[in-house]
Amino acid sequence: MFKHVLALIALSVAVTLFMTYTQQAVELLLAVHEWVSQLLSDVFSSGNAGSIARGLIALLSVPLLVGLIPALIYYAVKRDFFPYFMEIVWIVWLIQAGALVVKAVA
């Protein structure tokens, strides 16, 4: 538990020190989400069901694509499955979902 507290403190300090870069990363994540959603608007109807399906696929595809990048690099080097793939996907999903909620409220 002590390691987790130290990691939390270290990550909080890093985010605080590099706030402009963190903000740019979240804005890039939201821009990619919006781009995927725009691409999917050609496929799905503009009705309520189509909008929900488009939002769901965009929300799921971006974290999977972000997690796939280090997984492919790891596989190219080690020729083995990346052990932290789902953890990266969950972290990116949580950041993206939080940013989308804040953007919708504001």
PDB file of N, CA and C in Angstrom:
ATOM      1  N   MET A   1       0.810  -1.183   0.000  1.00  0.00           N
ATOM      2  CA  MET A   1       0.000   0.000   0.000  1.00  0.00           C
ATOM      3  C   MET A   1       0.863   1.259   0.000  1.00  0.00           C
ATOM      4  N   PHE A   2       2.004   1.190   0.648  1.00  0.00           N
ATOM      5  CA  PHE A   2       2.911   2.325   0.697  1.00  0.00           C
ATOM      6  C   PHE A   2       3.397   2.689  -0.710  1.00  0.00           C
ATOM      7  N   LYS A   3       3.639   1.667  -1.533  1.00  0.00           N
ATOM      8  CA  LYS A   3       4.080   1.917  -2.911  1.00  0.00           C
ATOM      9  C   LYS A   3       2.993   2.630  -3.706  1.00  0.00           C
ATOM     10  N   HIS A   4       1.748   2.262  -3.466  1.00  0.00           N
ATOM     11  CA  HIS A   4       0.646   2.901  -4.179  1.00  0.00           C
ATOM     12  C   HIS A   4       0.510   4.371  -3.792  1.00  0.00           C
ATOM     13  N   VAL A   5       0.692   4.663  -2.522  1.00  0.00           N
ATOM     14  CA  VAL A   5       0.621   6.050  -2.069  1.00  0.00           C
ATOM     15  C   VAL A   5       1.761   6.864  -2.667  1.00  0.00           C
ATOM     16  N   LEU A   6       2.952   6.294  -2.691  1.00  0.00           N
ATOM     17  CA  LEU A   6       4.091   6.991  -3.305  1.00  0.00           C
ATOM     18  C   LEU A   6       3.877   7.202  -4.800  1.00  0.00           C
ATOM     19  N   ALA A   7       3.329   6.202  -5.472  1.00  0.00           N
ATOM     20  CA  ALA A   7       3.049   6.342  -6.900  1.00  0.00           C
ATOM     21  C   ALA A   7       1.994   7.417  -7.141  1.00  0.00           C
ATOM     22  N   LEU A   8       0.977   7.464  -6.298  1.00  0.00           N
ATOM     23  CA  LEU A   8      -0.060   8.483  -6.430  1.00  0.00           C
ATOM     24  C   LEU A   8       0.513   9.879  -6.223  1.00  0.00           C
ATOM     25  N   ILE A   9       1.369  10.032  -5.234  1.00  0.00           N
ATOM     26  CA  ILE A   9       2.004  11.330  -4.983  1.00  0.00           C
ATOM     27  C   ILE A   9       2.905  11.710  -6.153  1.00  0.00           C
ATOM     28  N   ALA A  10       3.700  10.761  -6.640  1.00  0.00           N
ATOM     29  CA  ALA A  10       4.603  11.050  -7.755  1.00  0.00           C
ATOM     30  C   ALA A  10       3.837  11.421  -9.020  1.00  0.00           C
ATOM     31  N   LEU A  11       2.758  10.703  -9.307  1.00  0.00           N
ATOM     32  CA  LEU A  11       1.963  11.034 -10.487  1.00  0.00           C
ATOM     33  C   LEU A  11       1.259  12.376 -10.336  1.00  0.00           C
ATOM     34  N   SER A  12       0.811  12.685  -9.138  1.00  0.00           N
ATOM     35  CA  SER A  12       0.174  13.989  -8.902  1.00  0.00           C
ATOM     36  C   SER A  12       1.160  15.131  -9.101  1.00  0.00           C
ATOM     37  N   VAL A  13       2.383  14.951  -8.631  1.00  0.00           N
ATOM     38  CA  VAL A  13       3.420  15.969  -8.833  1.00  0.00           C
ATOM     39  C   VAL A  13       3.731  16.108 -10.323  1.00  0.00           C
ATOM     40  N   ALA A  14       3.828  14.978 -11.028  1.00  0.00           N
ATOM     41  CA  ALA A  14       4.131  15.025 -12.463  1.00  0.00           C
ATOM     42  C   ALA A  14       3.029  15.737 -13.240  1.00  0.00           C
ATOM     43  N   VAL A  15       1.776  15.440 -12.915  1.00  0.00           N
ATOM     44  CA  VAL A  15       0.663  16.095 -13.611  1.00  0.00           C
ATOM     45  C   VAL A  15       0.661  17.590 -13.307  1.00  0.00           C
ATOM     46  N   THR A  16       0.947  17.946 -12.058  1.00  0.00           N
ATOM     47  CA  THR A  16       0.977  19.360 -11.681  1.00  0.00           C
ATOM     48  C   THR A  16       2.094  20.105 -12.397  1.00  0.00           C
ATOM     49  N   LEU A  17       3.266  19.485 -12.473  1.00  0.00           N
ATOM     50  CA  LEU A  17       4.400  20.142 -13.121  1.00  0.00           C
ATOM     51  C   LEU A  17       4.222  20.248 -14.632  1.00  0.00           C
ATOM     52  N   PHE A  18       3.590  19.258 -15.214  1.00  0.00           N
ATOM     53  CA  PHE A  18       3.431  19.227 -16.667  1.00  0.00           C
ATOM     54  C   PHE A  18       1.969  19.425 -17.055  1.00  0.00           C
ATOM     55  N   MET A  19       1.300  20.374 -16.401  1.00  0.00           N
ATOM     56  CA  MET A  19      -0.128  20.605 -16.609  1.00  0.00           C
ATOM     57  C   MET A  19      -0.452  20.977 -18.053  1.00  0.00           C
ATOM     58  N   THR A  20       0.372  21.783 -18.697  1.00  0.00           N
ATOM     59  CA  THR A  20       0.064  22.181 -20.075  1.00  0.00           C
ATOM     60  C   THR A  20       0.142  20.983 -21.014  1.00  0.00           C
ATOM     61  N   TYR A  21       1.111  20.100 -20.785  1.00  0.00           N
ATOM     62  CA  TYR A  21       1.219  18.903 -21.618  1.00  0.00           C
ATOM     63  C   TYR A  21       0.083  17.930 -21.336  1.00  0.00           C
ATOM     64  N   THR A  22      -0.321  17.845 -20.075  1.00  0.00           N
ATOM     65  CA  THR A  22      -1.445  16.991 -19.720  1.00  0.00           C
ATOM     66  C   THR A  22      -2.722  17.506 -20.368  1.00  0.00           C
ATOM     67  N   GLN A  23      -2.906  18.804 -20.355  1.00  0.00           N
ATOM     68  CA  GLN A  23      -4.086  19.396 -20.974  1.00  0.00           C
ATOM     69  C   GLN A  23      -4.084  19.146 -22.482  1.00  0.00           C
ATOM     70  N   GLN A  24      -2.938  19.264 -23.116  1.00  0.00           N
ATOM     71  CA  GLN A  24      -2.847  19.005 -24.548  1.00  0.00           C
ATOM     72  C   GLN A  24      -3.148  17.541 -24.863  1.00  0.00           C
ATOM     73  N   ALA A  25      -2.702  16.627 -23.999  1.00  0.00           N
ATOM     74  CA  ALA A  25      -2.959  15.202 -24.216  1.00  0.00           C
ATOM     75  C   ALA A  25      -4.453  14.902 -24.104  1.00  0.00           C
ATOM     76  N   VAL A  26      -5.131  15.504 -23.137  1.00  0.00           N
ATOM     77  CA  VAL A  26      -6.569  15.284 -22.991  1.00  0.00           C
ATOM     78  C   VAL A  26      -7.322  15.908 -24.160  1.00  0.00           C
ATOM     79  N   GLU A  27      -6.899  17.082 -24.607  1.00  0.00           N
ATOM     80  CA  GLU A  27      -7.531  17.705 -25.771  1.00  0.00           C
ATOM     81  C   GLU A  27      -7.327  16.862 -27.026  1.00  0.00           C
ATOM     82  N   LEU A  28      -6.148  16.266 -27.181  1.00  0.00           N
ATOM     83  CA  LEU A  28      -5.888  15.384 -28.319  1.00  0.00           C
ATOM     84  C   LEU A  28      -6.771  14.145 -28.246  1.00  0.00           C
ATOM     85  N   LEU A  29      -6.922  13.593 -27.054  1.00  0.00           N
ATOM     86  CA  LEU A  29      -7.782  12.431 -26.866  1.00  0.00           C
ATOM     87  C   LEU A  29      -9.228  12.759 -27.248  1.00  0.00           C
ATOM     88  N   LEU A  30      -9.705  13.927 -26.840  1.00  0.00           N
ATOM     89  CA  LEU A  30     -11.066  14.340 -27.201  1.00  0.00           C
ATOM     90  C   LEU A  30     -11.191  14.629 -28.694  1.00  0.00           C
ATOM     91  N   ALA A  31     -10.144  15.170 -29.295  1.00  0.00           N
ATOM     92  CA  ALA A  31     -10.173  15.433 -30.738  1.00  0.00           C
ATOM     93  C   ALA A  31     -10.232  14.126 -31.527  1.00  0.00           C
ATOM     94  N   VAL A  32      -9.487  13.133 -31.092  1.00  0.00           N
ATOM     95  CA  VAL A  32      -9.532  11.826 -31.764  1.00  0.00           C
ATOM     96  C   VAL A  32     -10.916  11.208 -31.590  1.00  0.00           C
ATOM     97  N   HIS A  33     -11.490  11.334 -30.404  1.00  0.00           N
ATOM     98  CA  HIS A  33     -12.845  10.824 -30.169  1.00  0.00           C
ATOM     99  C   HIS A  33     -13.834  11.509 -31.105  1.00  0.00           C
ATOM    100  N   GLU A  34     -13.727  12.808 -31.230  1.00  0.00           N
ATOM    101  CA  GLU A  34     -14.632  13.552 -32.115  1.00  0.00           C
ATOM    102  C   GLU A  34     -14.427  13.146 -33.574  1.00  0.00           C
ATOM    103  N   TRP A  35     -13.180  12.911 -33.968  1.00  0.00           N
ATOM    104  CA  TRP A  35     -12.881  12.494 -35.346  1.00  0.00           C
ATOM    105  C   TRP A  35     -13.496  11.130 -35.638  1.00  0.00           C
ATOM    106  N   VAL A  36     -13.352  10.188 -34.709  1.00  0.00           N
ATOM    107  CA  VAL A  36     -13.942   8.861 -34.889  1.00  0.00           C
ATOM    108  C   VAL A  36     -15.465   8.969 -34.932  1.00  0.00           C
ATOM    109  N   SER A  37     -16.019   9.800 -34.087  1.00  0.00           N
ATOM    110  CA  SER A  37     -17.465   9.988 -34.076  1.00  0.00           C
ATOM    111  C   SER A  37     -17.954  10.590 -35.397  1.00  0.00           C
ATOM    112  N   GLN A  38     -17.189  11.527 -35.950  1.00  0.00           N
ATOM    113  CA  GLN A  38     -17.544  12.110 -37.258  1.00  0.00           C
ATOM    114  C   GLN A  38     -17.471  11.060 -38.360  1.00  0.00           C
ATOM    115  N   LEU A  39     -16.446  10.211 -38.318  1.00  0.00           N
ATOM    116  CA  LEU A  39     -16.349   9.148 -39.325  1.00  0.00           C
ATOM    117  C   LEU A  39     -17.536   8.196 -39.241  1.00  0.00           C
ATOM    118  N   LEU A  40     -17.956   7.904 -38.021  1.00  0.00           N
ATOM    119  CA  LEU A  40     -19.072   6.985 -37.835  1.00  0.00           C
ATOM    120  C   LEU A  40     -20.419   7.615 -38.149  1.00  0.00           C
ATOM    121  N   SER A  41     -20.483   8.934 -38.249  1.00  0.00           N
ATOM    122  CA  SER A  41     -21.754   9.586 -38.560  1.00  0.00           C
ATOM    123  C   SER A  41     -22.214   9.269 -39.978  1.00  0.00           C
ATOM    124  N   ASP A  42     -21.261   8.911 -40.852  1.00  0.00           N
ATOM    125  CA  ASP A  42     -21.635   8.502 -42.207  1.00  0.00           C
ATOM    126  C   ASP A  42     -22.292   7.125 -42.216  1.00  0.00           C
ATOM    127  N   VAL A  43     -21.956   6.296 -41.234  1.00  0.00           N
ATOM    128  CA  VAL A  43     -22.454   4.928 -41.187  1.00  0.00           C
ATOM    129  C   VAL A  43     -23.789   4.843 -40.463  1.00  0.00           C
ATOM    130  N   PHE A  44     -23.920   5.554 -39.350  1.00  0.00           N
ATOM    131  CA  PHE A  44     -25.120   5.461 -38.526  1.00  0.00           C
ATOM    132  C   PHE A  44     -26.084   6.599 -38.832  1.00  0.00           C
ATOM    133  N   SER A  45     -27.354   6.339 -38.586  1.00  0.00           N
ATOM    134  CA  SER A  45     -28.373   7.351 -38.831  1.00  0.00           C
ATOM    135  C   SER A  45     -28.257   8.477 -37.816  1.00  0.00           C
ATOM    136  N   SER A  46     -28.947   9.560 -38.108  1.00  0.00           N
ATOM    137  CA  SER A  46     -28.887  10.709 -37.207  1.00  0.00           C
ATOM    138  C   SER A  46     -29.925  10.631 -36.101  1.00  0.00           C
ATOM    139  N   GLY A  47     -30.644   9.521 -36.017  1.00  0.00           N
ATOM    140  CA  GLY A  47     -31.649   9.356 -34.968  1.00  0.00           C
ATOM    141  C   GLY A  47     -31.009   9.053 -33.628  1.00  0.00           C
ATOM    142  N   ASN A  48     -31.842   8.816 -32.641  1.00  0.00           N
ATOM    143  CA  ASN A  48     -31.385   8.580 -31.278  1.00  0.00           C
ATOM    144  C   ASN A  48     -30.574   7.285 -31.183  1.00  0.00           C
ATOM    145  N   ALA A  49     -31.057   6.210 -31.799  1.00  0.00           N
ATOM    146  CA  ALA A  49     -30.350   4.929 -31.743  1.00  0.00           C
ATOM    147  C   ALA A  49     -29.003   5.015 -32.459  1.00  0.00           C
ATOM    148  N   GLY A  50     -28.968   5.684 -33.592  1.00  0.00           N
ATOM    149  CA  GLY A  50     -27.715   5.845 -34.322  1.00  0.00           C
ATOM    150  C   GLY A  50     -26.711   6.687 -33.562  1.00  0.00           C
ATOM    151  N   SER A  51     -27.200   7.716 -32.898  1.00  0.00           N
ATOM    152  CA  SER A  51     -26.324   8.571 -32.102  1.00  0.00           C
ATOM    153  C   SER A  51     -25.742   7.817 -30.910  1.00  0.00           C
ATOM    154  N   ILE A  52     -26.552   6.996 -30.256  1.00  0.00           N
ATOM    155  CA  ILE A  52     -26.060   6.193 -29.129  1.00  0.00           C
ATOM    156  C   ILE A  52     -25.039   5.178 -29.607  1.00  0.00           C
ATOM    157  N   ALA A  53     -25.310   4.500 -30.717  1.00  0.00           N
ATOM    158  CA  ALA A  53     -24.373   3.506 -31.247  1.00  0.00           C
ATOM    159  C   ALA A  53     -23.060   4.169 -31.656  1.00  0.00           C
ATOM    160  N   ARG A  54     -23.138   5.325 -32.294  1.00  0.00           N
ATOM    161  CA  ARG A  54     -21.930   6.048 -32.710  1.00  0.00           C
ATOM    162  C   ARG A  54     -21.111   6.474 -31.499  1.00  0.00           C
ATOM    163  N   GLY A  55     -21.769   6.997 -30.481  1.00  0.00           N
ATOM    164  CA  GLY A  55     -21.060   7.407 -29.275  1.00  0.00           C
ATOM    165  C   GLY A  55     -20.424   6.237 -28.556  1.00  0.00           C
ATOM    166  N   LEU A  56     -21.130   5.110 -28.500  1.00  0.00           N
ATOM    167  CA  LEU A  56     -20.601   3.923 -27.835  1.00  0.00           C
ATOM    168  C   LEU A  56     -19.377   3.375 -28.559  1.00  0.00           C
ATOM    169  N   ILE A  57     -19.449   3.271 -29.863  1.00  0.00           N
ATOM    170  CA  ILE A  57     -18.311   2.753 -30.628  1.00  0.00           C
ATOM    171  C   ILE A  57     -17.125   3.704 -30.544  1.00  0.00           C
ATOM    172  N   ALA A  58     -17.373   4.998 -30.602  1.00  0.00           N
ATOM    173  CA  ALA A  58     -16.279   5.971 -30.483  1.00  0.00           C
ATOM    174  C   ALA A  58     -15.650   5.911 -29.102  1.00  0.00           C
ATOM    175  N   LEU A  59     -16.477   5.754 -28.066  1.00  0.00           N
ATOM    176  CA  LEU A  59     -15.959   5.682 -26.700  1.00  0.00           C
ATOM    177  C   LEU A  59     -15.136   4.426 -26.465  1.00  0.00           C
ATOM    178  N   LEU A  60     -15.477   3.344 -27.137  1.00  0.00           N
ATOM    179  CA  LEU A  60     -14.737   2.094 -26.960  1.00  0.00           C
ATOM    180  C   LEU A  60     -13.532   1.979 -27.884  1.00  0.00           C
ATOM    181  N   SER A  61     -13.607   2.533 -29.079  1.00  0.00           N
ATOM    182  CA  SER A  61     -12.535   2.319 -30.048  1.00  0.00           C
ATOM    183  C   SER A  61     -11.278   3.130 -29.751  1.00  0.00           C
ATOM    184  N   VAL A  62     -11.423   4.331 -29.235  1.00  0.00           N
ATOM    185  CA  VAL A  62     -10.252   5.177 -28.987  1.00  0.00           C
ATOM    186  C   VAL A  62      -9.325   4.567 -27.932  1.00  0.00           C
ATOM    187  N   PRO A  63      -9.831   4.141 -26.766  1.00  0.00           N
ATOM    188  CA  PRO A  63      -8.915   3.501 -25.812  1.00  0.00           C
ATOM    189  C   PRO A  63      -8.284   2.215 -26.336  1.00  0.00           C
ATOM    190  N   LEU A  64      -9.045   1.446 -27.112  1.00  0.00           N
ATOM    191  CA  LEU A  64      -8.470   0.229 -27.681  1.00  0.00           C
ATOM    192  C   LEU A  64      -7.348   0.556 -28.659  1.00  0.00           C
ATOM    193  N   LEU A  65      -7.541   1.588 -29.468  1.00  0.00           N
ATOM    194  CA  LEU A  65      -6.491   1.982 -30.402  1.00  0.00           C
ATOM    195  C   LEU A  65      -5.262   2.523 -29.676  1.00  0.00           C
ATOM    196  N   VAL A  66      -5.483   3.304 -28.609  1.00  0.00           N
ATOM    197  CA  VAL A  66      -4.357   3.839 -27.836  1.00  0.00           C
ATOM    198  C   VAL A  66      -3.604   2.711 -27.146  1.00  0.00           C
ATOM    199  N   GLY A  67      -4.317   1.726 -26.620  1.00  0.00           N
ATOM    200  CA  GLY A  67      -3.668   0.583 -25.980  1.00  0.00           C
ATOM    201  C   GLY A  67      -2.982  -0.333 -26.966  1.00  0.00           C
ATOM    202  N   LEU A  68      -3.452  -0.331 -28.200  1.00  0.00           N
ATOM    203  CA  LEU A  68      -2.867  -1.198 -29.217  1.00  0.00           C
ATOM    204  C   LEU A  68      -1.477  -0.741 -29.643  1.00  0.00           C
ATOM    205  N   ILE A  69      -1.192   0.547 -29.545  1.00  0.00           N
ATOM    206  CA  ILE A  69       0.105   1.070 -29.961  1.00  0.00           C
ATOM    207  C   ILE A  69       1.247   0.478 -29.137  1.00  0.00           C
ATOM    208  N   PRO A  70       1.244   0.581 -27.795  1.00  0.00           N
ATOM    209  CA  PRO A  70       2.341  -0.044 -27.049  1.00  0.00           C
ATOM    210  C   PRO A  70       2.314  -1.565 -27.142  1.00  0.00           C
ATOM    211  N   ALA A  71       1.124  -2.155 -27.317  1.00  0.00           N
ATOM    212  CA  ALA A  71       1.044  -3.613 -27.441  1.00  0.00           C
ATOM    213  C   ALA A  71       1.736  -4.091 -28.713  1.00  0.00           C
ATOM    214  N   LEU A  72       1.554  -3.362 -29.795  1.00  0.00           N
ATOM    215  CA  LEU A  72       2.224  -3.747 -31.050  1.00  0.00           C
ATOM    216  C   LEU A  72       3.736  -3.545 -30.968  1.00  0.00           C
ATOM    217  N   ILE A  73       4.162  -2.474 -30.327  1.00  0.00           N
ATOM    218  CA  ILE A  73       5.595  -2.247 -30.149  1.00  0.00           C
ATOM    219  C   ILE A  73       6.195  -3.345 -29.278  1.00  0.00           C
ATOM    220  N   TYR A  74       5.512  -3.694 -28.203  1.00  0.00           N
ATOM    221  CA  TYR A  74       5.979  -4.758 -27.312  1.00  0.00           C
ATOM    222  C   TYR A  74       6.048  -6.087 -28.055  1.00  0.00           C
ATOM    223  N   TYR A  75       5.022  -6.362 -28.867  1.00  0.00           N
ATOM    224  CA  TYR A  75       5.015  -7.611 -29.617  1.00  0.00           C
ATOM    225  C   TYR A  75       6.136  -7.641 -30.651  1.00  0.00           C
ATOM    226  N   ALA A  76       6.418  -6.507 -31.269  1.00  0.00           N
ATOM    227  CA  ALA A  76       7.494  -6.460 -32.260  1.00  0.00           C
ATOM    228  C   ALA A  76       8.860  -6.727 -31.626  1.00  0.00           C
ATOM    229  N   VAL A  77       9.025  -6.292 -30.380  1.00  0.00           N
ATOM    230  CA  VAL A  77      10.311  -6.468 -29.700  1.00  0.00           C
ATOM    231  C   VAL A  77      10.412  -7.839 -29.038  1.00  0.00           C
ATOM    232  N   LYS A  78       9.405  -8.222 -28.270  1.00  0.00           N
ATOM    233  CA  LYS A  78       9.461  -9.432 -27.443  1.00  0.00           C
ATOM    234  C   LYS A  78       8.799 -10.651 -28.068  1.00  0.00           C
ATOM    235  N   ARG A  79       7.987 -10.477 -29.082  1.00  0.00           N
ATOM    236  CA  ARG A  79       7.204 -11.556 -29.693  1.00  0.00           C
ATOM    237  C   ARG A  79       6.327 -12.262 -28.662  1.00  0.00           C
ATOM    238  N   ASP A  80       5.702 -11.464 -27.808  1.00  0.00           N
ATOM    239  CA  ASP A  80       4.825 -11.979 -26.768  1.00  0.00           C
ATOM    240  C   ASP A  80       3.707 -10.968 -26.544  1.00  0.00           C
ATOM    241  N   PHE A  81       2.621 -11.416 -25.905  1.00  0.00           N
ATOM    242  CA  PHE A  81       1.488 -10.546 -25.626  1.00  0.00           C
ATOM    243  C   PHE A  81       1.866  -9.507 -24.585  1.00  0.00           C
ATOM    244  N   PHE A  82       1.424  -8.269 -24.790  1.00  0.00           N
ATOM    245  CA  PHE A  82       1.680  -7.178 -23.858  1.00  0.00           C
ATOM    246  C   PHE A  82       0.874  -7.410 -22.577  1.00  0.00           C
ATOM    247  N   PRO A  83       1.527  -7.526 -21.418  1.00  0.00           N
ATOM    248  CA  PRO A  83       0.805  -7.910 -20.202  1.00  0.00           C
ATOM    249  C   PRO A  83      -0.108  -6.828 -19.624  1.00  0.00           C
ATOM    250  N   TYR A  84       0.086  -5.568 -19.952  1.00  0.00           N
ATOM    251  CA  TYR A  84      -0.692  -4.487 -19.349  1.00  0.00           C
ATOM    252  C   TYR A  84      -1.646  -3.830 -20.342  1.00  0.00           C
ATOM    253  N   PHE A  85      -2.042  -4.558 -21.354  1.00  0.00           N
ATOM    254  CA  PHE A  85      -2.908  -4.001 -22.394  1.00  0.00           C
ATOM    255  C   PHE A  85      -4.234  -3.499 -21.818  1.00  0.00           C
ATOM    256  N   MET A  86      -4.924  -4.339 -21.070  1.00  0.00           N
ATOM    257  CA  MET A  86      -6.234  -3.941 -20.554  1.00  0.00           C
ATOM    258  C   MET A  86      -6.137  -2.839 -19.507  1.00  0.00           C
ATOM    259  N   GLU A  87      -5.050  -2.789 -18.757  1.00  0.00           N
ATOM    260  CA  GLU A  87      -4.883  -1.706 -17.787  1.00  0.00           C
ATOM    261  C   GLU A  87      -4.760  -0.365 -18.490  1.00  0.00           C
ATOM    262  N   ILE A  88      -4.012  -0.340 -19.591  1.00  0.00           N
ATOM    263  CA  ILE A  88      -3.875   0.897 -20.371  1.00  0.00           C
ATOM    264  C   ILE A  88      -5.214   1.285 -20.979  1.00  0.00           C
ATOM    265  N   VAL A  89      -5.944   0.313 -21.491  1.00  0.00           N
ATOM    266  CA  VAL A  89      -7.254   0.587 -22.077  1.00  0.00           C
ATOM    267  C   VAL A  89      -8.190   1.175 -21.025  1.00  0.00           C
ATOM    268  N   TRP A  90      -8.212   0.615 -19.824  1.00  0.00           N
ATOM    269  CA  TRP A  90      -9.076   1.126 -18.764  1.00  0.00           C
ATOM    270  C   TRP A  90      -8.673   2.535 -18.346  1.00  0.00           C
ATOM    271  N   ILE A  91      -7.387   2.791 -18.225  1.00  0.00           N
ATOM    272  CA  ILE A  91      -6.938   4.130 -17.825  1.00  0.00           C
ATOM    273  C   ILE A  91      -7.333   5.165 -18.867  1.00  0.00           C
ATOM    274  N   VAL A  92      -7.093   4.854 -20.140  1.00  0.00           N
ATOM    275  CA  VAL A  92      -7.454   5.792 -21.209  1.00  0.00           C
ATOM    276  C   VAL A  92      -8.971   5.971 -21.260  1.00  0.00           C
ATOM    277  N   TRP A  93      -9.720   4.876 -21.067  1.00  0.00           N
ATOM    278  CA  TRP A  93     -11.178   4.973 -21.079  1.00  0.00           C
ATOM    279  C   TRP A  93     -11.669   5.868 -19.951  1.00  0.00           C
ATOM    280  N   LEU A  94     -11.113   5.707 -18.754  1.00  0.00           N
ATOM    281  CA  LEU A  94     -11.525   6.542 -17.619  1.00  0.00           C
ATOM    282  C   LEU A  94     -11.213   8.019 -17.854  1.00  0.00           C
ATOM    283  N   ILE A  95     -10.033   8.297 -18.401  1.00  0.00           N
ATOM    284  CA  ILE A  95      -9.671   9.689 -18.697  1.00  0.00           C
ATOM    285  C   ILE A  95     -10.587  10.261 -19.767  1.00  0.00           C
ATOM    286  N   GLN A  96     -10.827   9.487 -20.812  1.00  0.00           N
ATOM    287  CA  GLN A  96     -11.679   9.958 -21.892  1.00  0.00           C
ATOM    288  C   GLN A  96     -13.116  10.151 -21.415  1.00  0.00           C
ATOM    289  N   ALA A  97     -13.653   9.214 -20.671  1.00  0.00           N
ATOM    290  CA  ALA A  97     -15.025   9.332 -20.189  1.00  0.00           C
ATOM    291  C   ALA A  97     -15.153  10.527 -19.242  1.00  0.00           C
ATOM    292  N   GLY A  98     -14.174  10.703 -18.372  1.00  0.00           N
ATOM    293  CA  GLY A  98     -14.208  11.863 -17.469  1.00  0.00           C
ATOM    294  C   GLY A  98     -14.159  13.176 -18.226  1.00  0.00           C
ATOM    295  N   ALA A  99     -13.299  13.240 -19.228  1.00  0.00           N
ATOM    296  CA  ALA A  99     -13.185  14.470 -20.023  1.00  0.00           C
ATOM    297  C   ALA A  99     -14.465  14.736 -20.807  1.00  0.00           C
ATOM    298  N   LEU A 100     -15.099  13.681 -21.329  1.00  0.00           N
ATOM    299  CA  LEU A 100     -16.351  13.868 -22.051  1.00  0.00           C
ATOM    300  C   LEU A 100     -17.475  14.335 -21.128  1.00  0.00           C
ATOM    301  N   VAL A 101     -17.498  13.815 -19.919  1.00  0.00           N
ATOM    302  CA  VAL A 101     -18.523  14.251 -18.959  1.00  0.00           C
ATOM    303  C   VAL A 101     -18.303  15.712 -18.590  1.00  0.00           C
ATOM    304  N   VAL A 102     -17.055  16.089 -18.336  1.00  0.00           N
ATOM    305  CA  VAL A 102     -16.771  17.490 -17.995  1.00  0.00           C
ATOM    306  C   VAL A 102     -17.092  18.409 -19.166  1.00  0.00           C
ATOM    307  N   LYS A 103     -16.782  17.959 -20.368  1.00  0.00           N
ATOM    308  CA  LYS A 103     -17.073  18.757 -21.564  1.00  0.00           C
ATOM    309  C   LYS A 103     -18.584  18.905 -21.761  1.00  0.00           C
ATOM    310  N   ALA A 104     -19.354  17.858 -21.474  1.00  0.00           N
ATOM    311  CA  ALA A 104     -20.807  17.915 -21.642  1.00  0.00           C
ATOM    312  C   ALA A 104     -21.456  18.820 -20.593  1.00  0.00           C
ATOM    313  N   VAL A 105     -20.901  18.848 -19.405  1.00  0.00           N
ATOM    314  CA  VAL A 105     -21.460  19.671 -18.333  1.00  0.00           C
ATOM    315  C   VAL A 105     -21.145  21.143 -18.555  1.00  0.00           C
ATOM    316  N   ALA A 106     -19.957  21.421 -19.057  1.00  0.00           N
ATOM    317  CA  ALA A 106     -19.515  22.822 -19.207  1.00  0.00           C
ATOM    318  C   ALA A 106     -20.194  23.529 -20.333  1.00  0.00           C
TER     319      ALA A 106
END
